Amino acid sequence: MSRDIIREEARLIVLRELHAQTNYALNDALLQQVLESFGIAKSRDWVREEIGYLDTVGAVTRNVAGSVVVAKLTPKGVEHVERRLVIEGVKRPSPPEA
């Protein structure tokens, strides 16, 4: 499978998981576990690279807190998850089921 497809899928999973949190935030270690539950078993450094990409495109902000990186969903990230805009390099969410 193409590395780009995996990265785009992983980025959407990260955004959706952040969207599901009350405070729209999670750390890289927890996001790594979430990705593994979807069959994307990657290193913590890889997860941090994806958080970095999402920060670069304005979908999340990242903050280093001790030994972890905390990602927080931005309004732009919310808009993508809710299908109101498209962020390049992030898989589009599927339409809601009727």
PDB file of N, CA and C in Angstrom:
ATOM      1  N   MET A   1       0.852  -1.181   0.000  1.00  0.00           N
ATOM      2  CA  MET A   1       0.000   0.000   0.000  1.00  0.00           C
ATOM      3  C   MET A   1       0.899   1.245   0.000  1.00  0.00           C
ATOM      4  N   SER A   2       0.469   2.246  -0.697  1.00  0.00           N
ATOM      5  CA  SER A   2       1.240   3.480  -0.802  1.00  0.00           C
ATOM      6  C   SER A   2       1.417   4.149   0.563  1.00  0.00           C
ATOM      7  N   ARG A   3       2.635   4.645   0.797  1.00  0.00           N
ATOM      8  CA  ARG A   3       2.907   5.354   2.054  1.00  0.00           C
ATOM      9  C   ARG A   3       2.027   6.579   2.189  1.00  0.00           C
ATOM     10  N   ASP A   4       1.741   7.264   1.063  1.00  0.00           N
ATOM     11  CA  ASP A   4       0.893   8.455   1.116  1.00  0.00           C
ATOM     12  C   ASP A   4      -0.511   8.117   1.579  1.00  0.00           C
ATOM     13  N   ILE A   5      -1.046   7.006   1.097  1.00  0.00           N
ATOM     14  CA  ILE A   5      -2.397   6.596   1.504  1.00  0.00           C
ATOM     15  C   ILE A   5      -2.432   6.322   3.003  1.00  0.00           C
ATOM     16  N   ILE A   6      -1.430   5.640   3.503  1.00  0.00           N
ATOM     17  CA  ILE A   6      -1.373   5.342   4.942  1.00  0.00           C
ATOM     18  C   ILE A   6      -1.267   6.636   5.746  1.00  0.00           C
ATOM     19  N   ARG A   7      -0.422   7.551   5.310  1.00  0.00           N
ATOM     20  CA  ARG A   7      -0.269   8.823   6.019  1.00  0.00           C
ATOM     21  C   ARG A   7      -1.571   9.620   6.013  1.00  0.00           C
ATOM     22  N   GLU A   8      -2.233   9.695   4.869  1.00  0.00           N
ATOM     23  CA  GLU A   8      -3.489  10.438   4.787  1.00  0.00           C
ATOM     24  C   GLU A   8      -4.557   9.825   5.690  1.00  0.00           C
ATOM     25  N   GLU A   9      -4.626   8.507   5.718  1.00  0.00           N
ATOM     26  CA  GLU A   9      -5.574   7.802   6.583  1.00  0.00           C
ATOM     27  C   GLU A   9      -5.235   8.062   8.054  1.00  0.00           C
ATOM     28  N   ALA A  10      -3.962   7.959   8.402  1.00  0.00           N
ATOM     29  CA  ALA A  10      -3.540   8.175   9.792  1.00  0.00           C
ATOM     30  C   ALA A  10      -3.868   9.597  10.242  1.00  0.00           C
ATOM     31  N   ARG A  11      -3.650  10.562   9.375  1.00  0.00           N
ATOM     32  CA  ARG A  11      -3.941  11.955   9.728  1.00  0.00           C
ATOM     33  C   ARG A  11      -5.428  12.155  10.000  1.00  0.00           C
ATOM     34  N   LEU A  12      -6.274  11.524   9.196  1.00  0.00           N
ATOM     35  CA  LEU A  12      -7.715  11.617   9.452  1.00  0.00           C
ATOM     36  C   LEU A  12      -8.071  10.953  10.776  1.00  0.00           C
ATOM     37  N   ILE A  13      -7.495   9.799  11.045  1.00  0.00           N
ATOM     38  CA  ILE A  13      -7.761   9.112  12.319  1.00  0.00           C
ATOM     39  C   ILE A  13      -7.372  10.014  13.488  1.00  0.00           C
ATOM     40  N   VAL A  14      -6.221  10.658  13.403  1.00  0.00           N
ATOM     41  CA  VAL A  14      -5.780  11.574  14.463  1.00  0.00           C
ATOM     42  C   VAL A  14      -6.798  12.698  14.644  1.00  0.00           C
ATOM     43  N   LEU A  15      -7.208  13.333  13.547  1.00  0.00           N
ATOM     44  CA  LEU A  15      -8.163  14.436  13.657  1.00  0.00           C
ATOM     45  C   LEU A  15      -9.485  13.973  14.251  1.00  0.00           C
ATOM     46  N   ARG A  16      -9.964  12.826  13.814  1.00  0.00           N
ATOM     47  CA  ARG A  16     -11.236  12.315  14.357  1.00  0.00           C
ATOM     48  C   ARG A  16     -11.129  12.008  15.858  1.00  0.00           C
ATOM     49  N   GLU A  17     -10.007  11.431  16.253  1.00  0.00           N
ATOM     50  CA  GLU A  17      -9.837  11.108  17.674  1.00  0.00           C
ATOM     51  C   GLU A  17      -9.752  12.381  18.508  1.00  0.00           C
ATOM     52  N   LEU A  18      -9.050  13.387  18.011  1.00  0.00           N
ATOM     53  CA  LEU A  18      -8.996  14.664  18.736  1.00  0.00           C
ATOM     54  C   LEU A  18     -10.389  15.286  18.818  1.00  0.00           C
ATOM     55  N   HIS A  19     -11.147  15.188  17.741  1.00  0.00           N
ATOM     56  CA  HIS A  19     -12.508  15.733  17.697  1.00  0.00           C
ATOM     57  C   HIS A  19     -13.411  15.057  18.733  1.00  0.00           C
ATOM     58  N   ALA A  20     -13.137  13.805  19.019  1.00  0.00           N
ATOM     59  CA  ALA A  20     -13.952  13.046  19.977  1.00  0.00           C
ATOM     60  C   ALA A  20     -13.648  13.399  21.430  1.00  0.00           C
ATOM     61  N   GLN A  21     -12.547  14.100  21.665  1.00  0.00           N
ATOM     62  CA  GLN A  21     -12.155  14.444  23.035  1.00  0.00           C
ATOM     63  C   GLN A  21     -12.848  15.735  23.481  1.00  0.00           C
ATOM     64  N   THR A  22     -13.209  15.792  24.734  1.00  0.00           N
ATOM     65  CA  THR A  22     -13.873  16.978  25.279  1.00  0.00           C
ATOM     66  C   THR A  22     -13.034  18.235  25.085  1.00  0.00           C
ATOM     67  N   ASN A  23     -11.735  18.115  25.267  1.00  0.00           N
ATOM     68  CA  ASN A  23     -10.843  19.282  25.142  1.00  0.00           C
ATOM     69  C   ASN A  23     -10.111  19.329  23.802  1.00  0.00           C
ATOM     70  N   TYR A  24     -10.481  18.442  22.865  1.00  0.00           N
ATOM     71  CA  TYR A  24      -9.870  18.377  21.523  1.00  0.00           C
ATOM     72  C   TYR A  24      -8.373  18.108  21.562  1.00  0.00           C
ATOM     73  N   ALA A  25      -7.847  17.468  22.594  1.00  0.00           N
ATOM     74  CA  ALA A  25      -6.399  17.274  22.718  1.00  0.00           C
ATOM     75  C   ALA A  25      -6.062  15.864  23.198  1.00  0.00           C
ATOM     76  N   LEU A  26      -4.901  15.362  22.714  1.00  0.00           N
ATOM     77  CA  LEU A  26      -4.322  14.102  23.179  1.00  0.00           C
ATOM     78  C   LEU A  26      -2.818  14.165  22.952  1.00  0.00           C
ATOM     79  N   ASN A  27      -2.089  13.328  23.692  1.00  0.00           N
ATOM     80  CA  ASN A  27      -0.640  13.293  23.478  1.00  0.00           C
ATOM     81  C   ASN A  27      -0.258  12.223  22.458  1.00  0.00           C
ATOM     82  N   ASP A  28       0.987  12.307  22.007  1.00  0.00           N
ATOM     83  CA  ASP A  28       1.460  11.414  20.953  1.00  0.00           C
ATOM     84  C   ASP A  28       1.437   9.944  21.349  1.00  0.00           C
ATOM     85  N   ALA A  29       1.683   9.630  22.608  1.00  0.00           N
ATOM     86  CA  ALA A  29       1.666   8.230  23.046  1.00  0.00           C
ATOM     87  C   ALA A  29       0.257   7.645  22.926  1.00  0.00           C
ATOM     88  N   LEU A  30      -0.744   8.415  23.313  1.00  0.00           N
ATOM     89  CA  LEU A  30      -2.129   7.938  23.193  1.00  0.00           C
ATOM     90  C   LEU A  30      -2.555   7.848  21.736  1.00  0.00           C
ATOM     91  N   LEU A  31      -2.144   8.809  20.923  1.00  0.00           N
ATOM     92  CA  LEU A  31      -2.472   8.761  19.500  1.00  0.00           C
ATOM     93  C   LEU A  31      -1.809   7.564  18.822  1.00  0.00           C
ATOM     94  N   GLN A  32      -0.617   7.203  19.260  1.00  0.00           N
ATOM     95  CA  GLN A  32       0.056   6.020  18.727  1.00  0.00           C
ATOM     96  C   GLN A  32      -0.793   4.773  19.001  1.00  0.00           C
ATOM     97  N   GLN A  33      -1.349   4.671  20.203  1.00  0.00           N
ATOM     98  CA  GLN A  33      -2.199   3.518  20.542  1.00  0.00           C
ATOM     99  C   GLN A  33      -3.470   3.512  19.696  1.00  0.00           C
ATOM    100  N   VAL A  34      -4.051   4.682  19.485  1.00  0.00           N
ATOM    101  CA  VAL A  34      -5.255   4.776  18.648  1.00  0.00           C
ATOM    102  C   VAL A  34      -4.943   4.286  17.234  1.00  0.00           C
ATOM    103  N   LEU A  35      -3.845   4.755  16.665  1.00  0.00           N
ATOM    104  CA  LEU A  35      -3.476   4.336  15.313  1.00  0.00           C
ATOM    105  C   LEU A  35      -3.243   2.833  15.248  1.00  0.00           C
ATOM    106  N   GLU A  36      -2.615   2.277  16.264  1.00  0.00           N
ATOM    107  CA  GLU A  36      -2.396   0.822  16.293  1.00  0.00           C
ATOM    108  C   GLU A  36      -3.714   0.068  16.296  1.00  0.00           C
ATOM    109  N   SER A  37      -4.733   0.605  16.963  1.00  0.00           N
ATOM    110  CA  SER A  37      -6.038  -0.063  16.987  1.00  0.00           C
ATOM    111  C   SER A  37      -6.692  -0.075  15.608  1.00  0.00           C
ATOM    112  N   PHE A  38      -6.241   0.808  14.708  1.00  0.00           N
ATOM    113  CA  PHE A  38      -6.727   0.841  13.325  1.00  0.00           C
ATOM    114  C   PHE A  38      -5.768   0.130  12.369  1.00  0.00           C
ATOM    115  N   GLY A  39      -4.794  -0.586  12.920  1.00  0.00           N
ATOM    116  CA  GLY A  39      -3.873  -1.355  12.098  1.00  0.00           C
ATOM    117  C   GLY A  39      -2.702  -0.568  11.548  1.00  0.00           C
ATOM    118  N   ILE A  40      -2.466   0.616  12.081  1.00  0.00           N
ATOM    119  CA  ILE A  40      -1.325   1.431  11.654  1.00  0.00           C
ATOM    120  C   ILE A  40      -0.314   1.431  12.793  1.00  0.00           C
ATOM    121  N   ALA A  41       0.580   0.467  12.764  1.00  0.00           N
ATOM    122  CA  ALA A  41       1.581   0.300  13.821  1.00  0.00           C
ATOM    123  C   ALA A  41       2.862   1.016  13.414  1.00  0.00           C
ATOM    124  N   LYS A  42       3.047   2.205  13.940  1.00  0.00           N
ATOM    125  CA  LYS A  42       4.202   3.031  13.602  1.00  0.00           C
ATOM    126  C   LYS A  42       4.877   3.514  14.884  1.00  0.00           C
ATOM    127  N   SER A  43       6.104   3.988  14.725  1.00  0.00           N
ATOM    128  CA  SER A  43       6.858   4.489  15.883  1.00  0.00           C
ATOM    129  C   SER A  43       6.286   5.817  16.381  1.00  0.00           C
ATOM    130  N   ARG A  44       6.660   6.147  17.596  1.00  0.00           N
ATOM    131  CA  ARG A  44       6.224   7.424  18.164  1.00  0.00           C
ATOM    132  C   ARG A  44       6.802   8.594  17.371  1.00  0.00           C
ATOM    133  N   ASP A  45       8.021   8.446  16.863  1.00  0.00           N
ATOM    134  CA  ASP A  45       8.601   9.493  16.023  1.00  0.00           C
ATOM    135  C   ASP A  45       7.759   9.704  14.767  1.00  0.00           C
ATOM    136  N   TRP A  46       7.271   8.624  14.183  1.00  0.00           N
ATOM    137  CA  TRP A  46       6.418   8.727  12.996  1.00  0.00           C
ATOM    138  C   TRP A  46       5.131   9.474  13.337  1.00  0.00           C
ATOM    139  N   VAL A  47       4.538   9.142  14.477  1.00  0.00           N
ATOM    140  CA  VAL A  47       3.314   9.829  14.913  1.00  0.00           C
ATOM    141  C   VAL A  47       3.607  11.325  15.105  1.00  0.00           C
ATOM    142  N   ARG A  48       4.755  11.645  15.672  1.00  0.00           N
ATOM    143  CA  ARG A  48       5.132  13.052  15.853  1.00  0.00           C
ATOM    144  C   ARG A  48       5.314  13.758  14.513  1.00  0.00           C
ATOM    145  N   GLU A  49       5.838  13.054  13.511  1.00  0.00           N
ATOM    146  CA  GLU A  49       5.949  13.637  12.167  1.00  0.00           C
ATOM    147  C   GLU A  49       4.577  13.986  11.612  1.00  0.00           C
ATOM    148  N   GLU A  50       3.617  13.103  11.828  1.00  0.00           N
ATOM    149  CA  GLU A  50       2.263  13.356  11.328  1.00  0.00           C
ATOM    150  C   GLU A  50       1.605  14.507  12.093  1.00  0.00           C
ATOM    151  N   ILE A  51       1.831  14.588  13.386  1.00  0.00           N
ATOM    152  CA  ILE A  51       1.340  15.730  14.160  1.00  0.00           C
ATOM    153  C   ILE A  51       1.972  17.009  13.611  1.00  0.00           C
ATOM    154  N   GLY A  52       3.263  16.942  13.283  1.00  0.00           N
ATOM    155  CA  GLY A  52       3.956  18.090  12.704  1.00  0.00           C
ATOM    156  C   GLY A  52       3.340  18.518  11.382  1.00  0.00           C
ATOM    157  N   TYR A  53       3.001  17.539  10.533  1.00  0.00           N
ATOM    158  CA  TYR A  53       2.351  17.870   9.264  1.00  0.00           C
ATOM    159  C   TYR A  53       1.019  18.566   9.528  1.00  0.00           C
ATOM    160  N   LEU A  54       0.233  17.993  10.429  1.00  0.00           N
ATOM    161  CA  LEU A  54      -1.084  18.576  10.730  1.00  0.00           C
ATOM    162  C   LEU A  54      -0.950  19.981  11.317  1.00  0.00           C
ATOM    163  N   ASP A  55       0.100  20.220  12.078  1.00  0.00           N
ATOM    164  CA  ASP A  55       0.381  21.561  12.604  1.00  0.00           C
ATOM    165  C   ASP A  55       0.726  22.505  11.450  1.00  0.00           C
ATOM    166  N   THR A  56       1.560  22.043  10.528  1.00  0.00           N
ATOM    167  CA  THR A  56       1.976  22.860   9.387  1.00  0.00           C
ATOM    168  C   THR A  56       0.788  23.309   8.541  1.00  0.00           C
ATOM    169  N   VAL A  57      -0.201  22.442   8.356  1.00  0.00           N
ATOM    170  CA  VAL A  57      -1.370  22.797   7.544  1.00  0.00           C
ATOM    171  C   VAL A  57      -2.473  23.469   8.360  1.00  0.00           C
ATOM    172  N   GLY A  58      -2.232  23.667   9.660  1.00  0.00           N
ATOM    173  CA  GLY A  58      -3.185  24.404  10.491  1.00  0.00           C
ATOM    174  C   GLY A  58      -4.328  23.596  11.061  1.00  0.00           C
ATOM    175  N   ALA A  59      -4.245  22.266  10.993  1.00  0.00           N
ATOM    176  CA  ALA A  59      -5.319  21.417  11.512  1.00  0.00           C
ATOM    177  C   ALA A  59      -5.206  21.184  13.011  1.00  0.00           C
ATOM    178  N   VAL A  60      -3.986  21.244  13.537  1.00  0.00           N
ATOM    179  CA  VAL A  60      -3.747  21.095  14.976  1.00  0.00           C
ATOM    180  C   VAL A  60      -2.673  22.095  15.402  1.00  0.00           C
ATOM    181  N   THR A  61      -2.606  22.299  16.696  1.00  0.00           N
ATOM    182  CA  THR A  61      -1.442  22.958  17.271  1.00  0.00           C
ATOM    183  C   THR A  61      -0.715  21.893  18.065  1.00  0.00           C
ATOM    184  N   ARG A  62       0.583  22.056  18.214  1.00  0.00           N
ATOM    185  CA  ARG A  62       1.330  21.071  19.007  1.00  0.00           C
ATOM    186  C   ARG A  62       2.112  21.798  20.082  1.00  0.00           C
ATOM    187  N   ASN A  63       2.189  21.123  21.221  1.00  0.00           N
ATOM    188  CA  ASN A  63       2.871  21.671  22.377  1.00  0.00           C
ATOM    189  C   ASN A  63       3.683  20.553  23.024  1.00  0.00           C
ATOM    190  N   VAL A  64       4.940  20.822  23.296  1.00  0.00           N
ATOM    191  CA  VAL A  64       5.781  19.833  23.970  1.00  0.00           C
ATOM    192  C   VAL A  64       5.575  19.985  25.472  1.00  0.00           C
ATOM    193  N   ALA A  65       5.211  18.881  26.114  1.00  0.00           N
ATOM    194  CA  ALA A  65       4.977  18.866  27.561  1.00  0.00           C
ATOM    195  C   ALA A  65       5.821  17.741  28.142  1.00  0.00           C
ATOM    196  N   GLY A  66       7.010  18.095  28.604  1.00  0.00           N
ATOM    197  CA  GLY A  66       7.916  17.070  29.115  1.00  0.00           C
ATOM    198  C   GLY A  66       8.360  16.175  27.981  1.00  0.00           C
ATOM    199  N   SER A  67       8.091  14.885  28.116  1.00  0.00           N
ATOM    200  CA  SER A  67       8.543  13.928  27.099  1.00  0.00           C
ATOM    201  C   SER A  67       7.473  13.610  26.055  1.00  0.00           C
ATOM    202  N   VAL A  68       6.346  14.297  26.090  1.00  0.00           N
ATOM    203  CA  VAL A  68       5.281  14.029  25.126  1.00  0.00           C
ATOM    204  C   VAL A  68       4.984  15.270  24.297  1.00  0.00           C
ATOM    205  N   VAL A  69       4.392  15.027  23.138  1.00  0.00           N
ATOM    206  CA  VAL A  69       3.896  16.104  22.287  1.00  0.00           C
ATOM    207  C   VAL A  69       2.372  16.042  22.352  1.00  0.00           C
ATOM    208  N   VAL A  70       1.757  17.160  22.704  1.00  0.00           N
ATOM    209  CA  VAL A  70       0.302  17.231  22.797  1.00  0.00           C
ATOM    210  C   VAL A  70      -0.229  17.918  21.537  1.00  0.00           C
ATOM    211  N   ALA A  71      -1.158  17.253  20.870  1.00  0.00           N
ATOM    212  CA  ALA A  71      -1.817  17.817  19.690  1.00  0.00           C
ATOM    213  C   ALA A  71      -3.199  18.295  20.098  1.00  0.00           C
ATOM    214  N   LYS A  72      -3.550  19.493  19.635  1.00  0.00           N
ATOM    215  CA  LYS A  72      -4.880  20.044  19.920  1.00  0.00           C
ATOM    216  C   LYS A  72      -5.520  20.472  18.608  1.00  0.00           C
ATOM    217  N   LEU A  73      -6.738  20.032  18.397  1.00  0.00           N
ATOM    218  CA  LEU A  73      -7.481  20.326  17.182  1.00  0.00           C
ATOM    219  C   LEU A  73      -7.783  21.818  17.082  1.00  0.00           C
ATOM    220  N   THR A  74      -7.602  22.377  15.900  1.00  0.00           N
ATOM    221  CA  THR A  74      -7.921  23.782  15.639  1.00  0.00           C
ATOM    222  C   THR A  74      -9.289  23.871  14.957  1.00  0.00           C
ATOM    223  N   PRO A  75      -9.825  25.086  14.834  1.00  0.00           N
ATOM    224  CA  PRO A  75     -11.082  25.224  14.086  1.00  0.00           C
ATOM    225  C   PRO A  75     -10.985  24.674  12.655  1.00  0.00           C
ATOM    226  N   LYS A  76      -9.843  24.831  12.004  1.00  0.00           N
ATOM    227  CA  LYS A  76      -9.663  24.284  10.655  1.00  0.00           C
ATOM    228  C   LYS A  76      -9.747  22.759  10.681  1.00  0.00           C
ATOM    229  N   GLY A  77      -9.160  22.134  11.704  1.00  0.00           N
ATOM    230  CA  GLY A  77      -9.248  20.687  11.839  1.00  0.00           C
ATOM    231  C   GLY A  77     -10.678  20.224  12.059  1.00  0.00           C
ATOM    232  N   VAL A  78     -11.419  20.986  12.863  1.00  0.00           N
ATOM    233  CA  VAL A  78     -12.835  20.673  13.099  1.00  0.00           C
ATOM    234  C   VAL A  78     -13.596  20.738  11.779  1.00  0.00           C
ATOM    235  N   GLU A  79     -13.340  21.778  10.995  1.00  0.00           N
ATOM    236  CA  GLU A  79     -14.015  21.951   9.704  1.00  0.00           C
ATOM    237  C   GLU A  79     -13.763  20.752   8.785  1.00  0.00           C
ATOM    238  N   HIS A  80     -12.545  20.219   8.804  1.00  0.00           N
ATOM    239  CA  HIS A  80     -12.236  19.055   7.966  1.00  0.00           C
ATOM    240  C   HIS A  80     -13.015  17.831   8.445  1.00  0.00           C
ATOM    241  N   VAL A  81     -12.968  17.565   9.740  1.00  0.00           N
ATOM    242  CA  VAL A  81     -13.663  16.399  10.290  1.00  0.00           C
ATOM    243  C   VAL A  81     -15.164  16.483  10.014  1.00  0.00           C
ATOM    244  N   GLU A  82     -15.704  17.694  10.077  1.00  0.00           N
ATOM    245  CA  GLU A  82     -17.142  17.881   9.858  1.00  0.00           C
ATOM    246  C   GLU A  82     -17.499  18.096   8.389  1.00  0.00           C
ATOM    247  N   ARG A  83     -16.535  17.853   7.488  1.00  0.00           N
ATOM    248  CA  ARG A  83     -16.728  17.879   6.036  1.00  0.00           C
ATOM    249  C   ARG A  83     -17.130  19.241   5.482  1.00  0.00           C
ATOM    250  N   ARG A  84     -16.615  20.303   6.088  1.00  0.00           N
ATOM    251  CA  ARG A  84     -16.912  21.639   5.569  1.00  0.00           C
ATOM    252  C   ARG A  84     -15.768  22.205   4.739  1.00  0.00           C
ATOM    253  N   LEU A  85     -14.591  21.596   4.821  1.00  0.00           N
ATOM    254  CA  LEU A  85     -13.465  21.966   3.970  1.00  0.00           C
ATOM    255  C   LEU A  85     -12.551  20.773   3.841  1.00  0.00           C
ATOM    256  N   VAL A  86     -11.651  20.864   2.874  1.00  0.00           N
ATOM    257  CA  VAL A  86     -10.721  19.761   2.617  1.00  0.00           C
ATOM    258  C   VAL A  86      -9.304  20.255   2.881  1.00  0.00           C
ATOM    259  N   ILE A  87      -8.563  19.477   3.660  1.00  0.00           N
ATOM    260  CA  ILE A  87      -7.155  19.769   3.915  1.00  0.00           C
ATOM    261  C   ILE A  87      -6.337  18.808   3.073  1.00  0.00           C
ATOM    262  N   GLU A  88      -5.492  19.364   2.218  1.00  0.00           N
ATOM    263  CA  GLU A  88      -4.653  18.534   1.362  1.00  0.00           C
ATOM    264  C   GLU A  88      -3.735  17.662   2.211  1.00  0.00           C
ATOM    265  N   GLY A  89      -3.616  16.395   1.817  1.00  0.00           N
ATOM    266  CA  GLY A  89      -2.760  15.466   2.535  1.00  0.00           C
ATOM    267  C   GLY A  89      -3.454  14.742   3.670  1.00  0.00           C
ATOM    268  N   VAL A  90      -4.765  15.015   3.830  1.00  0.00           N
ATOM    269  CA  VAL A  90      -5.560  14.347   4.865  1.00  0.00           C
ATOM    270  C   VAL A  90      -6.765  13.716   4.161  1.00  0.00           C
ATOM    271  N   LYS A  91      -6.983  12.440   4.395  1.00  0.00           N
ATOM    272  CA  LYS A  91      -8.126  11.763   3.778  1.00  0.00           C
ATOM    273  C   LYS A  91      -9.412  12.485   4.145  1.00  0.00           C
ATOM    274  N   ARG A  92     -10.311  12.554   3.186  1.00  0.00           N
ATOM    275  CA  ARG A  92     -11.627  13.144   3.457  1.00  0.00           C
ATOM    276  C   ARG A  92     -12.457  12.169   4.268  1.00  0.00           C
ATOM    277  N   PRO A  93     -13.189  12.667   5.248  1.00  0.00           N
ATOM    278  CA  PRO A  93     -14.078  11.770   5.996  1.00  0.00           C
ATOM    279  C   PRO A  93     -15.182  11.239   5.082  1.00  0.00           C
ATOM    280  N   SER A  94     -15.623  10.045   5.354  1.00  0.00           N
ATOM    281  CA  SER A  94     -16.757   9.479   4.615  1.00  0.00           C
ATOM    282  C   SER A  94     -18.012  10.260   4.975  1.00  0.00           C
ATOM    283  N   PRO A  95     -18.961  10.325   4.038  1.00  0.00           N
ATOM    284  CA  PRO A  95     -20.217  11.001   4.381  1.00  0.00           C
ATOM    285  C   PRO A  95     -20.939  10.236   5.481  1.00  0.00           C
ATOM    286  N   PRO A  96     -21.680  10.971   6.308  1.00  0.00           N
ATOM    287  CA  PRO A  96     -22.440  10.276   7.357  1.00  0.00           C
ATOM    288  C   PRO A  96     -23.458   9.316   6.744  1.00  0.00           C
ATOM    289  N   GLU A  97     -23.662   8.214   7.428  1.00  0.00           N
ATOM    290  CA  GLU A  97     -24.646   7.245   6.937  1.00  0.00           C
ATOM    291  C   GLU A  97     -26.048   7.754   7.218  1.00  0.00           C
ATOM    292  N   ALA A  98     -26.951   7.507   6.283  1.00  0.00           N
ATOM    293  CA  ALA A  98     -28.334   7.984   6.420  1.00  0.00           C
ATOM    294  C   ALA A  98     -29.109   7.161   7.406  1.00  0.00           C
TER     295      ALA A  98
END
